[in-house]
Amino acid sequence: MHRFGFALTAAALVVFGVTGCATKNYVRTQTQPLADHTDQLDQKTADNNRAIHDVNDRAQAGIQKAQGAADTANQNAQNATQAANTADQAANDVSHRADTLDSVVKGLDNYKEMGNVSVTFGFDKAVLTKDDEAQLDSFAGQLGSTQNYILEVTGGTDSTGPAQYNYDLSQRRADAVVQYLAAKYNIAPHRFYLIGIGKDQYVADNKTAAGRKENRRVQVQLLSNMTAPNGPEMQPAQTQPQPQGPGASTGQPATNGQPTASAPVPEE
């Protein structure tokens, strides 16, 4: 009986063990596909997330690029507008200067000489002497009673030295006279018309020392508008003989608050 009971118990244990293994295999068989499917879903989710982030990054990069292009286009438009405004202003300025110059040129025919003075300089010098200043002071005394006037200032040299150097030297001499009159007598810059003619127009023979000294000069002519409606009619002064020479030049008005001039091109 004891052996029978032991055998029965052993058989029950075997059956139970076999049944337990079968159950585990069954559970594993049923759950493995679910686990695999879950892993696949996790992988797809991760892939989708990466794809979403990639699309978002590219979208942001595209937005930034588009914004940069828009900003550049806007800046270019502003620059173009500013350039157009500048060009328009420049055109207006040119038109204004042209109108002003036209009115001056037309009015020059109505100006007559009312007086003149001439000062001379040392060799290769452009500095006024005390005697020069005294002559200019005497000449300037008549400016207070003259209306609608301009001052034509012409600088010259003797025949010594290169032509271009003499143009520059004659210009410096004319500048010295203008600066003296403008500073001491508060004469407005627009009243001066000045030019350096170098050795082109001589008033005396350059073969003599006395003649060369006379040619190292600056001549100032007082010109008044005889048809000015607000001023009394004035009798023109007796004019001195005009300088003779191989060339002649026309003065230009002072600008920008300072007298300026340009030398004529030397004749070949």
Protein backbone atom coordinates (compact mmCIF):
# COMPACT_ATOMS: atom_id res chain seq x y z
CA MET A 1 0.00 0.00 0.00
CA HIS A 2 2.83 2.34 0.88
CA ARG A 3 4.56 1.68 -2.43
CA PHE A 4 1.34 2.25 -4.30
CA GLY A 5 0.75 5.56 -2.58
CA PHE A 6 4.26 6.72 -3.33
CA ALA A 7 3.90 5.81 -6.97
CA LEU A 8 0.62 7.65 -7.19
CA THR A 9 2.11 10.74 -5.70
CA ALA A 10 5.07 10.61 -8.07
CA ALA A 11 2.75 10.21 -11.03
CA ALA A 12 0.69 13.21 -9.89
CA LEU A 13 3.81 15.31 -9.64
CA VAL A 14 4.89 14.30 -13.13
CA VAL A 15 1.48 15.12 -14.54
CA PHE A 16 1.47 18.45 -12.73
CA GLY A 17 4.96 19.29 -14.06
CA VAL A 18 4.00 18.43 -17.58
CA THR A 19 0.84 20.46 -17.29
CA GLY A 20 2.75 23.46 -15.88
CA CYS A 21 5.27 23.43 -18.73
CA ALA A 22 2.49 23.21 -21.25
CA THR A 23 0.74 26.21 -19.68
CA LYS A 24 3.92 28.34 -19.75
CA ASN A 25 4.54 27.45 -23.37
CA TYR A 26 0.99 28.36 -24.22
CA VAL A 27 1.20 31.70 -22.45
CA ARG A 28 4.52 32.45 -24.14
CA THR A 29 3.09 31.51 -27.50
CA GLN A 30 0.09 33.80 -27.00
CA THR A 31 1.91 36.81 -25.53
CA GLN A 32 5.03 36.92 -27.74
CA PRO A 33 3.19 38.35 -30.78
CA LEU A 34 1.73 41.03 -28.55
CA ALA A 35 5.19 41.93 -27.24
CA ASP A 36 6.61 41.99 -30.75
CA HIS A 37 3.76 44.18 -31.92
CA THR A 38 4.32 46.54 -29.02
CA ASP A 39 8.00 46.80 -29.89
CA GLN A 40 7.09 47.56 -33.47
CA LEU A 41 4.69 50.29 -32.35
CA ASP A 42 7.38 51.80 -30.12
CA GLN A 43 9.83 51.79 -33.03
CA LYS A 44 7.26 53.38 -35.35
CA THR A 45 6.47 55.98 -32.71
CA ALA A 46 10.16 56.80 -32.34
CA ASP A 47 10.55 56.98 -36.14
CA ASN A 48 7.51 59.24 -36.38
CA ASN A 49 8.87 61.51 -33.67
CA ARG A 50 12.19 61.77 -35.46
CA ALA A 51 10.42 62.50 -38.74
CA ILE A 52 8.28 65.18 -37.06
CA HIS A 53 11.33 66.81 -35.54
CA ASP A 54 13.13 66.69 -38.89
CA VAL A 55 10.17 68.29 -40.68
CA ASN A 56 9.91 70.93 -37.96
CA ASP A 57 13.63 71.74 -38.19
CA ARG A 58 13.43 72.07 -41.94
CA ALA A 59 10.29 74.19 -41.65
CA GLN A 60 11.97 76.51 -39.14
CA ALA A 61 15.05 76.77 -41.36
CA GLY A 62 12.82 77.60 -44.31
CA ILE A 63 10.95 80.21 -42.30
CA GLN A 64 14.19 81.83 -41.16
CA LYS A 65 15.55 81.83 -44.71
CA ALA A 66 12.34 83.34 -46.03
CA GLN A 67 12.38 85.96 -43.27
CA GLY A 68 16.00 86.79 -44.07
CA ALA A 69 15.16 87.17 -47.74
CA ALA A 70 12.20 89.37 -46.84
CA ASP A 71 14.37 91.54 -44.59
CA THR A 72 16.99 91.86 -47.35
CA ALA A 73 14.35 92.77 -49.89
CA ASN A 74 12.89 95.35 -47.49
CA GLN A 75 16.35 96.84 -46.86
CA ASN A 76 17.02 96.97 -50.59
CA ALA A 77 13.70 98.72 -51.10
CA GLN A 78 14.56 101.26 -48.40
CA ASN A 79 17.99 101.81 -49.94
CA ALA A 80 16.43 102.28 -53.36
CA THR A 81 13.93 104.77 -51.94
CA GLN A 82 16.70 106.67 -50.18
CA ALA A 83 18.80 106.71 -53.34
CA ALA A 84 15.82 107.97 -55.32
CA ASN A 85 15.21 110.71 -52.76
CA THR A 86 18.90 111.67 -52.86
CA ALA A 87 18.89 111.76 -56.64
CA ASP A 88 15.73 113.85 -56.61
CA GLN A 89 17.27 116.29 -54.14
CA ALA A 90 20.44 116.47 -56.20
CA ALA A 91 18.38 117.18 -59.30
CA ASN A 92 16.54 119.95 -57.45
CA ASP A 93 19.84 121.42 -56.27
CA VAL A 94 21.25 121.34 -59.80
CA SER A 95 18.10 122.98 -61.11
CA HIS A 96 18.29 125.65 -58.43
CA ARG A 97 21.96 126.35 -59.15
CA ALA A 98 21.22 126.47 -62.88
CA ASP A 99 18.40 128.95 -62.31
CA THR A 100 20.61 131.06 -60.07
CA LEU A 101 23.52 131.01 -62.52
CA ASP A 102 21.18 131.84 -65.39
CA SER A 103 19.83 134.87 -63.55
CA VAL A 104 23.37 136.03 -62.73
CA VAL A 105 24.63 135.60 -66.27
CA LYS A 106 21.66 137.47 -67.69
CA GLY A 107 22.18 140.28 -65.19
CA LEU A 108 25.88 140.69 -65.95
CA ASP A 109 25.09 142.59 -69.13
CA ASN A 110 23.54 145.31 -66.99
CA TYR A 111 26.65 145.88 -64.83
CA LYS A 112 28.93 148.83 -65.54
CA GLU A 113 32.29 149.69 -64.04
CA MET A 114 32.11 152.24 -61.25
CA GLY A 115 35.74 152.15 -60.10
CA ASN A 116 38.90 150.06 -59.98
CA VAL A 117 42.17 149.57 -58.16
CA SER A 118 45.33 147.61 -58.93
CA VAL A 119 47.93 146.32 -56.47
CA THR A 120 51.27 144.70 -57.33
CA PHE A 121 53.27 141.92 -55.71
CA GLY A 122 56.91 141.02 -55.29
CA PHE A 123 58.53 138.35 -57.42
CA ASP A 124 56.95 134.94 -56.66
CA LYS A 125 54.95 136.52 -53.80
CA ALA A 126 51.24 136.42 -52.96
CA VAL A 127 51.26 138.50 -49.77
CA LEU A 128 49.81 142.00 -49.56
CA THR A 129 52.12 144.79 -48.48
CA LYS A 130 51.08 147.73 -46.29
CA ASP A 131 50.93 149.90 -49.39
CA ASP A 132 48.66 147.32 -51.08
CA GLU A 133 46.34 147.29 -48.08
CA ALA A 134 46.20 151.09 -48.04
CA GLN A 135 45.18 151.15 -51.70
CA LEU A 136 42.47 148.54 -51.08
CA ASP A 137 41.21 150.49 -48.06
CA SER A 138 40.88 153.62 -50.18
CA PHE A 139 39.06 151.66 -52.87
CA ALA A 140 36.71 149.99 -50.36
CA GLY A 141 35.57 153.40 -49.09
CA GLN A 142 33.20 153.75 -52.04
CA LEU A 143 31.50 150.39 -51.51
CA GLY A 144 29.17 151.69 -48.80
CA SER A 145 27.46 154.11 -51.20
CA THR A 146 27.19 151.62 -54.06
CA GLN A 147 24.22 149.32 -54.46
CA ASN A 148 23.80 146.11 -56.43
CA TYR A 149 27.50 145.72 -57.03
CA ILE A 150 29.97 142.93 -57.65
CA LEU A 151 33.76 142.93 -57.53
CA GLU A 152 35.67 141.41 -60.42
CA VAL A 153 39.12 140.36 -59.16
CA THR A 154 41.75 139.38 -61.72
CA GLY A 155 45.20 138.09 -60.74
CA GLY A 156 48.20 138.13 -63.07
CA THR A 157 51.94 137.35 -63.23
CA ASP A 158 54.92 138.26 -65.32
CA SER A 159 56.25 135.90 -67.99
CA THR A 160 58.86 134.23 -65.79
CA GLY A 161 58.32 130.52 -65.05
CA PRO A 162 56.03 127.73 -66.29
CA ALA A 163 52.47 128.55 -67.33
CA GLN A 164 50.75 126.26 -64.79
CA TYR A 165 52.81 127.61 -61.91
CA ASN A 166 51.88 131.15 -62.92
CA TYR A 167 48.18 130.24 -63.05
CA ASP A 168 48.39 128.99 -59.47
CA LEU A 169 50.42 132.00 -58.35
CA SER A 170 48.00 134.47 -59.92
CA GLN A 171 45.13 132.64 -58.23
CA ARG A 172 46.80 132.93 -54.83
CA ARG A 173 47.27 136.65 -55.39
CA ALA A 174 43.60 137.11 -56.26
CA ASP A 175 42.64 135.07 -53.20
CA ALA A 176 44.79 137.29 -50.97
CA VAL A 177 42.94 140.41 -52.15
CA VAL A 178 39.52 138.81 -51.77
CA GLN A 179 40.26 137.50 -48.29
CA TYR A 180 41.46 140.92 -47.16
CA LEU A 181 38.39 142.78 -48.45
CA ALA A 182 35.92 140.13 -47.29
CA ALA A 183 37.37 139.93 -43.78
CA LYS A 184 37.91 143.65 -43.15
CA TYR A 185 34.80 145.05 -44.82
CA ASN A 186 32.40 142.14 -44.32
CA ILE A 187 31.73 141.79 -48.03
CA ALA A 188 29.49 138.83 -48.89
CA PRO A 189 31.28 136.06 -50.84
CA HIS A 190 28.72 136.10 -53.64
CA ARG A 191 29.84 139.63 -54.60
CA PHE A 192 33.26 138.40 -55.71
CA TYR A 193 34.07 137.12 -59.18
CA LEU A 194 37.73 136.16 -59.27
CA ILE A 195 40.18 134.44 -61.54
CA GLY A 196 43.89 133.91 -61.94
CA ILE A 197 45.01 134.44 -65.53
CA GLY A 198 48.72 133.79 -65.00
CA LYS A 199 50.86 135.44 -67.65
CA ASP A 200 48.20 135.23 -70.38
CA GLN A 201 47.16 138.90 -70.18
CA TYR A 202 49.94 141.40 -69.63
CA VAL A 203 49.62 145.14 -69.20
CA ALA A 204 53.31 146.02 -69.69
CA ASP A 205 56.38 144.76 -71.51
CA ASN A 206 57.82 141.67 -69.80
CA LYS A 207 61.27 142.44 -71.22
CA THR A 208 61.88 145.14 -68.61
CA ALA A 209 61.97 144.91 -64.80
CA ALA A 210 59.43 147.74 -64.49
CA GLY A 211 57.07 146.01 -66.92
CA ARG A 212 57.32 142.65 -65.16
CA LYS A 213 56.57 144.36 -61.82
CA GLU A 214 53.45 145.94 -63.30
CA ASN A 215 52.29 142.55 -64.59
CA ARG A 216 52.59 140.98 -61.11
CA ARG A 217 49.27 142.51 -60.19
CA VAL A 218 45.72 142.01 -59.02
CA GLN A 219 43.11 144.30 -60.52
CA VAL A 220 39.79 144.88 -58.76
CA GLN A 221 36.86 146.35 -60.69
CA LEU A 222 33.73 147.65 -59.00
CA LEU A 223 30.71 146.83 -61.18
CA SER A 224 27.20 148.07 -60.44
CA ASN A 225 23.84 147.16 -61.94
CA MET A 226 22.73 150.34 -63.68
CA THR A 227 19.12 149.15 -64.07
CA ALA A 228 18.54 148.28 -60.41
CA PRO A 229 15.01 149.49 -59.50
CA ASN A 230 15.86 150.37 -55.89
CA GLY A 231 19.11 152.25 -56.43
CA PRO A 232 19.92 155.64 -57.97
CA GLU A 233 21.34 155.65 -61.43
CA MET A 234 25.10 156.10 -61.25
CA GLN A 235 27.57 157.37 -63.80
CA PRO A 236 30.20 154.79 -64.74
CA ALA A 237 33.79 155.53 -63.89
CA GLN A 238 36.42 156.10 -66.51
CA THR A 239 37.75 152.68 -67.35
CA GLN A 240 41.42 151.92 -67.63
CA PRO A 241 42.81 150.22 -70.75
CA GLN A 242 42.11 146.53 -70.61
CA PRO A 243 45.06 144.11 -70.41
CA GLN A 244 46.21 142.79 -73.73
CA GLY A 245 47.53 139.31 -74.37
CA PRO A 246 47.11 136.06 -76.20
CA GLY A 247 44.12 134.87 -74.14
CA ALA A 248 41.15 136.13 -72.14
CA SER A 249 39.13 134.50 -69.37
CA THR A 250 35.87 135.02 -67.52
CA GLY A 251 35.65 134.96 -63.71
CA GLN A 252 33.38 132.60 -61.77
CA PRO A 253 31.36 133.50 -58.66
CA ALA A 254 32.50 132.55 -55.18
CA THR A 255 30.57 129.64 -53.61
CA ASN A 256 30.11 127.82 -50.27
CA GLY A 257 30.88 130.89 -48.25
CA GLN A 258 34.48 131.16 -49.57
CA PRO A 259 35.76 132.81 -52.75
CA THR A 260 36.90 130.29 -55.29
CA ALA A 261 38.17 130.34 -58.85
CA SER A 262 39.50 128.08 -61.51
CA ALA A 263 42.49 128.85 -63.73
CA PRO A 264 42.02 128.91 -67.51
CA VAL A 265 43.49 126.17 -69.60
CA PRO A 266 46.83 127.33 -71.06
CA GLU A 267 46.75 127.97 -74.75
CA GLU A 268 49.09 125.80 -76.79
